[in-house]
Amino acid sequence: MIKDIVVPGVLLGLLADTVKLAVNYVFYLLGFTSVVFWQITAARFLDKEELTTPWAYLIGGVADITVSAGLGIVFIYIIHLLGNRALSIKGIGFGLAVWVGLFGTLLGQSVQGKIPHNAPAIMVTMVAHFFFGLALAFFTHLLGYSRQIAAENKDKPKMARGLNFRLASLPAKKPQKVIKKLRKPHKL
């Protein structure tokens, strides 16, 4: 495994978070959403009245950057386990899984009523996380981490890369006919 996975993971997470925030801000400027990510994240900690203050941006920014850095580390582990083939598909899938997991489940319930929810605003968060995952894959490839992981996994058999169990059972073998030769009885 990459010797120091924390620094590369944090770097990946921060670079991908920059892309996600840029996508969010473009849609904010175009009027698809009335809040930016840092306000959404701050809504987990603050009351509705405080979401437009500088404190909200600071609190939301620290929380968002911390989570994104952690997600970069997790993404490197996932790529190490599953390999680097179809890296962009794995990145997009990871980004959308984060969107469903964090926004749909954990964050969604706690910010309800604090931030206006409408279909375009929710689509903005989904699209931003799509690009977050794509950026994770892109920067993993660009910075050479995918080559390092491939080199480390080259000598290992596929099943020894982390998933040491079969995901499906093996097909049953056709029973073999066992033919025993009869021995002649011994004479007394």
C-alpha atoms as a PDB file:
ATOM      1  CA  MET A   1       0.000   0.000   0.000  1.00  0.00           C
ATOM      2  CA  ILE A   2       1.120   3.575  -0.491  1.00  0.00           C
ATOM      3  CA  LYS A   3       3.374   4.149   2.518  1.00  0.00           C
ATOM      4  CA  ASP A   4       1.687   7.318   3.706  1.00  0.00           C
ATOM      5  CA  ILE A   5      -1.935   7.128   2.670  1.00  0.00           C
ATOM      6  CA  VAL A   6      -3.073  10.107   4.757  1.00  0.00           C
ATOM      7  CA  VAL A   7      -1.262  12.879   2.881  1.00  0.00           C
ATOM      8  CA  PRO A   8      -2.203  11.655  -0.622  1.00  0.00           C
ATOM      9  CA  GLY A   9      -5.783  11.032   0.507  1.00  0.00           C
ATOM     10  CA  VAL A  10      -6.115  14.463   2.055  1.00  0.00           C
ATOM     11  CA  LEU A  11      -4.673  16.055  -1.084  1.00  0.00           C
ATOM     12  CA  LEU A  12      -7.113  14.134  -3.296  1.00  0.00           C
ATOM     13  CA  GLY A  13     -10.035  15.089  -1.085  1.00  0.00           C
ATOM     14  CA  LEU A  14      -9.111  18.777  -1.066  1.00  0.00           C
ATOM     15  CA  LEU A  15      -8.608  18.939  -4.836  1.00  0.00           C
ATOM     16  CA  ALA A  16     -11.895  17.160  -5.495  1.00  0.00           C
ATOM     17  CA  ASP A  17     -13.649  19.390  -2.940  1.00  0.00           C
ATOM     18  CA  THR A  18     -12.422  22.439  -4.838  1.00  0.00           C
ATOM     19  CA  VAL A  19     -14.089  21.101  -7.982  1.00  0.00           C
ATOM     20  CA  LYS A  20     -17.292  20.341  -6.060  1.00  0.00           C
ATOM     21  CA  LEU A  21     -17.398  23.823  -4.539  1.00  0.00           C
ATOM     22  CA  ALA A  22     -16.749  25.434  -7.940  1.00  0.00           C
ATOM     23  CA  VAL A  23     -19.646  23.510  -9.503  1.00  0.00           C
ATOM     24  CA  ASN A  24     -21.875  24.487  -6.585  1.00  0.00           C
ATOM     25  CA  TYR A  25     -20.887  28.142  -6.855  1.00  0.00           C
ATOM     26  CA  VAL A  26     -21.550  28.262 -10.608  1.00  0.00           C
ATOM     27  CA  PHE A  27     -25.060  26.914 -10.048  1.00  0.00           C
ATOM     28  CA  TYR A  28     -25.491  29.364  -7.162  1.00  0.00           C
ATOM     29  CA  LEU A  29     -24.594  32.262  -9.473  1.00  0.00           C
ATOM     30  CA  LEU A  30     -27.000  30.935 -12.117  1.00  0.00           C
ATOM     31  CA  GLY A  31     -29.808  30.909  -9.532  1.00  0.00           C
ATOM     32  CA  PHE A  32     -30.436  27.156  -9.310  1.00  0.00           C
ATOM     33  CA  THR A  33     -29.814  27.207  -5.557  1.00  0.00           C
ATOM     34  CA  SER A  34     -29.982  29.905  -2.912  1.00  0.00           C
ATOM     35  CA  VAL A  35     -27.238  28.492  -0.654  1.00  0.00           C
ATOM     36  CA  VAL A  36     -23.693  27.221  -1.034  1.00  0.00           C
ATOM     37  CA  PHE A  37     -22.328  23.998   0.423  1.00  0.00           C
ATOM     38  CA  TRP A  38     -20.738  25.638   3.413  1.00  0.00           C
ATOM     39  CA  GLN A  39     -24.129  27.002   4.465  1.00  0.00           C
ATOM     40  CA  ILE A  40     -25.695  23.561   4.061  1.00  0.00           C
ATOM     41  CA  THR A  41     -22.960  22.020   6.194  1.00  0.00           C
ATOM     42  CA  ALA A  42     -23.208  24.784   8.785  1.00  0.00           C
ATOM     43  CA  ALA A  43     -26.941  24.123   9.074  1.00  0.00           C
ATOM     44  CA  ARG A  44     -26.017  20.899  10.860  1.00  0.00           C
ATOM     45  CA  PHE A  45     -24.485  22.973  13.664  1.00  0.00           C
ATOM     46  CA  LEU A  46     -26.273  26.343  13.644  1.00  0.00           C
ATOM     47  CA  ASP A  47     -29.781  27.770  13.741  1.00  0.00           C
ATOM     48  CA  LYS A  48     -31.495  29.070  10.627  1.00  0.00           C
ATOM     49  CA  GLU A  49     -30.949  32.723  11.586  1.00  0.00           C
ATOM     50  CA  GLU A  50     -27.170  32.264  11.772  1.00  0.00           C
ATOM     51  CA  LEU A  51     -26.657  30.676   8.335  1.00  0.00           C
ATOM     52  CA  THR A  52     -25.839  33.969   6.592  1.00  0.00           C
ATOM     53  CA  THR A  53     -23.207  35.098   9.098  1.00  0.00           C
ATOM     54  CA  PRO A  54     -19.453  34.785   8.542  1.00  0.00           C
ATOM     55  CA  TRP A  55     -19.393  32.234  11.377  1.00  0.00           C
ATOM     56  CA  ALA A  56     -21.601  29.939   9.305  1.00  0.00           C
ATOM     57  CA  TYR A  57     -19.158  30.020   6.396  1.00  0.00           C
ATOM     58  CA  LEU A  58     -16.227  29.334   8.706  1.00  0.00           C
ATOM     59  CA  ILE A  59     -17.936  26.459  10.540  1.00  0.00           C
ATOM     60  CA  GLY A  60     -19.366  25.001   7.341  1.00  0.00           C
ATOM     61  CA  GLY A  61     -16.042  25.351   5.537  1.00  0.00           C
ATOM     62  CA  VAL A  62     -14.070  23.570   8.229  1.00  0.00           C
ATOM     63  CA  ALA A  63     -16.640  20.765   8.374  1.00  0.00           C
ATOM     64  CA  ASP A  64     -16.801  20.388   4.581  1.00  0.00           C
ATOM     65  CA  ILE A  65     -13.022  20.382   4.145  1.00  0.00           C
ATOM     66  CA  THR A  66     -12.556  17.888   6.977  1.00  0.00           C
ATOM     67  CA  VAL A  67     -15.122  15.480   5.534  1.00  0.00           C
ATOM     68  CA  SER A  68     -13.694  15.838   2.007  1.00  0.00           C
ATOM     69  CA  ALA A  69     -10.173  15.103   3.241  1.00  0.00           C
ATOM     70  CA  GLY A  70     -11.435  11.960   4.966  1.00  0.00           C
ATOM     71  CA  LEU A  71     -13.305  10.897   1.844  1.00  0.00           C
ATOM     72  CA  GLY A  72     -10.089  11.210  -0.171  1.00  0.00           C
ATOM     73  CA  ILE A  73      -8.401   8.766   2.198  1.00  0.00           C
ATOM     74  CA  VAL A  74     -11.344   6.366   1.941  1.00  0.00           C
ATOM     75  CA  PHE A  75     -11.251   6.580  -1.866  1.00  0.00           C
ATOM     76  CA  ILE A  76      -7.588   5.525  -1.957  1.00  0.00           C
ATOM     77  CA  TYR A  77      -8.409   2.522   0.227  1.00  0.00           C
ATOM     78  CA  ILE A  78     -11.287   1.568  -2.063  1.00  0.00           C
ATOM     79  CA  ILE A  79      -9.099   1.806  -5.155  1.00  0.00           C
ATOM     80  CA  HIS A  80      -6.442  -0.273  -3.430  1.00  0.00           C
ATOM     81  CA  LEU A  81      -9.007  -2.967  -2.650  1.00  0.00           C
ATOM     82  CA  LEU A  82     -10.891  -2.961  -5.948  1.00  0.00           C
ATOM     83  CA  GLY A  83      -8.102  -2.009  -8.354  1.00  0.00           C
ATOM     84  CA  ASN A  84      -7.792   0.973 -10.645  1.00  0.00           C
ATOM     85  CA  ARG A  85      -9.668  -0.322 -13.692  1.00  0.00           C
ATOM     86  CA  ALA A  86     -12.624   1.887 -14.680  1.00  0.00           C
ATOM     87  CA  LEU A  87     -11.369   4.525 -12.275  1.00  0.00           C
ATOM     88  CA  SER A  88     -13.773   7.217 -13.445  1.00  0.00           C
ATOM     89  CA  ILE A  89     -16.799   4.933 -12.968  1.00  0.00           C
ATOM     90  CA  LYS A  90     -15.613   4.054  -9.459  1.00  0.00           C
ATOM     91  CA  GLY A  91     -15.068   7.743  -8.701  1.00  0.00           C
ATOM     92  CA  ILE A  92     -18.511   8.768  -9.931  1.00  0.00           C
ATOM     93  CA  GLY A  93     -20.103   5.894  -8.024  1.00  0.00           C
ATOM     94  CA  PHE A  94     -18.246   6.898  -4.885  1.00  0.00           C
ATOM     95  CA  GLY A  95     -19.298  10.546  -5.275  1.00  0.00           C
ATOM     96  CA  LEU A  96     -22.950   9.625  -5.740  1.00  0.00           C
ATOM     97  CA  ALA A  97     -22.814   7.186  -2.823  1.00  0.00           C
ATOM     98  CA  VAL A  98     -21.471  10.019  -0.670  1.00  0.00           C
ATOM     99  CA  TRP A  99     -24.288  12.247  -1.904  1.00  0.00           C
ATOM    100  CA  VAL A 100     -26.928   9.680  -0.959  1.00  0.00           C
ATOM    101  CA  GLY A 101     -25.220   8.746   2.300  1.00  0.00           C
ATOM    102  CA  LEU A 102     -24.362  12.209   3.600  1.00  0.00           C
ATOM    103  CA  PHE A 103     -26.963  14.457   2.046  1.00  0.00           C
ATOM    104  CA  GLY A 104     -29.813  12.025   1.712  1.00  0.00           C
ATOM    105  CA  THR A 105     -29.537  10.311   5.037  1.00  0.00           C
ATOM    106  CA  LEU A 106     -27.370  12.007   7.607  1.00  0.00           C
ATOM    107  CA  LEU A 107     -27.486  15.685   6.679  1.00  0.00           C
ATOM    108  CA  GLY A 108     -30.926  15.836   5.070  1.00  0.00           C
ATOM    109  CA  GLN A 109     -32.925  15.185   8.216  1.00  0.00           C
ATOM    110  CA  SER A 110     -30.997  17.591  10.405  1.00  0.00           C
ATOM    111  CA  VAL A 111     -31.126  20.608   8.049  1.00  0.00           C
ATOM    112  CA  GLN A 112     -34.744  20.200   7.063  1.00  0.00           C
ATOM    113  CA  GLY A 113     -36.579  23.429   7.771  1.00  0.00           C
ATOM    114  CA  LYS A 114     -33.369  25.451   7.971  1.00  0.00           C
ATOM    115  CA  ILE A 115     -32.522  25.536   4.269  1.00  0.00           C
ATOM    116  CA  PRO A 116     -34.993  25.826   1.389  1.00  0.00           C
ATOM    117  CA  HIS A 117     -35.436  22.477  -0.334  1.00  0.00           C
ATOM    118  CA  ASN A 118     -36.549  22.325  -3.947  1.00  0.00           C
ATOM    119  CA  ALA A 119     -35.778  20.006  -6.853  1.00  0.00           C
ATOM    120  CA  PRO A 120     -33.218  22.277  -8.601  1.00  0.00           C
ATOM    121  CA  ALA A 121     -31.250  22.792  -5.357  1.00  0.00           C
ATOM    122  CA  ILE A 122     -31.169  19.053  -4.692  1.00  0.00           C
ATOM    123  CA  MET A 123     -30.070  18.416  -8.289  1.00  0.00           C
ATOM    124  CA  VAL A 124     -27.218  20.886  -7.754  1.00  0.00           C
ATOM    125  CA  THR A 125     -25.932  18.837  -4.817  1.00  0.00           C
ATOM    126  CA  MET A 126     -26.206  15.642  -6.866  1.00  0.00           C
ATOM    127  CA  VAL A 127     -24.377  17.113  -9.874  1.00  0.00           C
ATOM    128  CA  ALA A 128     -21.691  18.589  -7.617  1.00  0.00           C
ATOM    129  CA  HIS A 129     -21.079  15.190  -6.016  1.00  0.00           C
ATOM    130  CA  PHE A 130     -20.960  13.590  -9.463  1.00  0.00           C
ATOM    131  CA  PHE A 131     -18.111  15.967 -10.295  1.00  0.00           C
ATOM    132  CA  PHE A 132     -16.570  15.392  -6.852  1.00  0.00           C
ATOM    133  CA  GLY A 133     -16.255  11.677  -7.617  1.00  0.00           C
ATOM    134  CA  LEU A 134     -15.030  12.322 -11.136  1.00  0.00           C
ATOM    135  CA  ALA A 135     -12.423  14.728  -9.753  1.00  0.00           C
ATOM    136  CA  LEU A 136     -11.287  12.104  -7.234  1.00  0.00           C
ATOM    137  CA  ALA A 137     -10.682   9.680 -10.093  1.00  0.00           C
ATOM    138  CA  PHE A 138      -9.031  12.320 -12.273  1.00  0.00           C
ATOM    139  CA  PHE A 139      -6.621  13.510  -9.583  1.00  0.00           C
ATOM    140  CA  THR A 140      -5.880   9.912  -8.504  1.00  0.00           C
ATOM    141  CA  HIS A 141      -4.735   9.247 -12.064  1.00  0.00           C
ATOM    142  CA  LEU A 142      -3.067  12.636 -12.586  1.00  0.00           C
ATOM    143  CA  LEU A 143      -0.968  12.469  -9.409  1.00  0.00           C
ATOM    144  CA  GLY A 144       0.136   8.901 -10.173  1.00  0.00           C
ATOM    145  CA  TYR A 145      -1.557   7.182  -7.244  1.00  0.00           C
ATOM    146  CA  SER A 146      -3.366   4.780  -9.563  1.00  0.00           C
ATOM    147  CA  ARG A 147      -0.008   3.690 -11.035  1.00  0.00           C
ATOM    148  CA  GLN A 148       1.426   3.181  -7.543  1.00  0.00           C
ATOM    149  CA  ILE A 149      -1.562   1.088  -6.517  1.00  0.00           C
ATOM    150  CA  ALA A 150      -1.361  -0.936  -9.747  1.00  0.00           C
ATOM    151  CA  ALA A 151       2.345  -1.583  -9.189  1.00  0.00           C
ATOM    152  CA  GLU A 152       1.690  -2.742  -5.633  1.00  0.00           C
ATOM    153  CA  ASN A 153      -1.160  -5.020  -6.728  1.00  0.00           C
ATOM    154  CA  LYS A 154       0.707  -6.427  -9.762  1.00  0.00           C
ATOM    155  CA  ASP A 155       2.288  -9.342  -7.957  1.00  0.00           C
ATOM    156  CA  LYS A 156      -0.705 -10.132  -5.790  1.00  0.00           C
ATOM    157  CA  PRO A 157      -3.389 -12.506  -7.004  1.00  0.00           C
ATOM    158  CA  LYS A 158      -6.766 -10.858  -7.507  1.00  0.00           C
ATOM    159  CA  MET A 159      -8.337 -12.396  -4.416  1.00  0.00           C
ATOM    160  CA  ALA A 160      -5.462 -11.275  -2.165  1.00  0.00           C
ATOM    161  CA  ARG A 161      -5.990  -7.556  -2.818  1.00  0.00           C
ATOM    162  CA  GLY A 162      -8.290  -7.146   0.123  1.00  0.00           C
ATOM    163  CA  LEU A 163     -11.428  -9.074  -0.660  1.00  0.00           C
ATOM    164  CA  ASN A 164     -10.412 -12.506   0.527  1.00  0.00           C
ATOM    165  CA  PHE A 165     -13.766 -14.120  -0.059  1.00  0.00           C
ATOM    166  CA  ARG A 166     -15.762 -15.012  -3.115  1.00  0.00           C
ATOM    167  CA  LEU A 167     -18.753 -12.829  -3.894  1.00  0.00           C
ATOM    168  CA  ALA A 168     -20.586 -15.755  -5.493  1.00  0.00           C
ATOM    169  CA  SER A 169     -20.417 -19.465  -4.960  1.00  0.00           C
ATOM    170  CA  LEU A 170     -18.631 -21.680  -7.410  1.00  0.00           C
ATOM    171  CA  PRO A 171     -20.775 -23.718  -9.773  1.00  0.00           C
ATOM    172  CA  ALA A 172     -21.422 -27.288  -8.715  1.00  0.00           C
ATOM    173  CA  LYS A 173     -19.223 -29.916 -10.290  1.00  0.00           C
ATOM    174  CA  LYS A 174     -20.783 -32.705 -12.249  1.00  0.00           C
ATOM    175  CA  PRO A 175     -20.649 -35.864 -10.177  1.00  0.00           C
ATOM    176  CA  GLN A 176     -18.186 -38.404 -11.484  1.00  0.00           C
ATOM    177  CA  LYS A 177     -19.181 -42.021 -11.857  1.00  0.00           C
ATOM    178  CA  VAL A 178     -17.163 -44.171  -9.597  1.00  0.00           C
ATOM    179  CA  ILE A 179     -16.744 -47.629 -10.992  1.00  0.00           C
ATOM    180  CA  LYS A 180     -15.373 -50.183  -8.622  1.00  0.00           C
ATOM    181  CA  LYS A 181     -14.117 -53.409  -9.968  1.00  0.00           C
ATOM    182  CA  LEU A 182     -15.490 -56.389  -8.177  1.00  0.00           C
ATOM    183  CA  ARG A 183     -12.907 -58.718  -6.815  1.00  0.00           C
ATOM    184  CA  LYS A 184     -13.267 -62.413  -7.140  1.00  0.00           C
ATOM    185  CA  PRO A 185     -14.016 -64.121  -3.877  1.00  0.00           C
ATOM    186  CA  HIS A 186     -11.185 -66.066  -2.269  1.00  0.00           C
ATOM    187  CA  LYS A 187     -11.411 -69.819  -2.248  1.00  0.00           C
ATOM    188  CA  LEU A 188     -11.342 -71.551   1.057  1.00  0.00           C
END
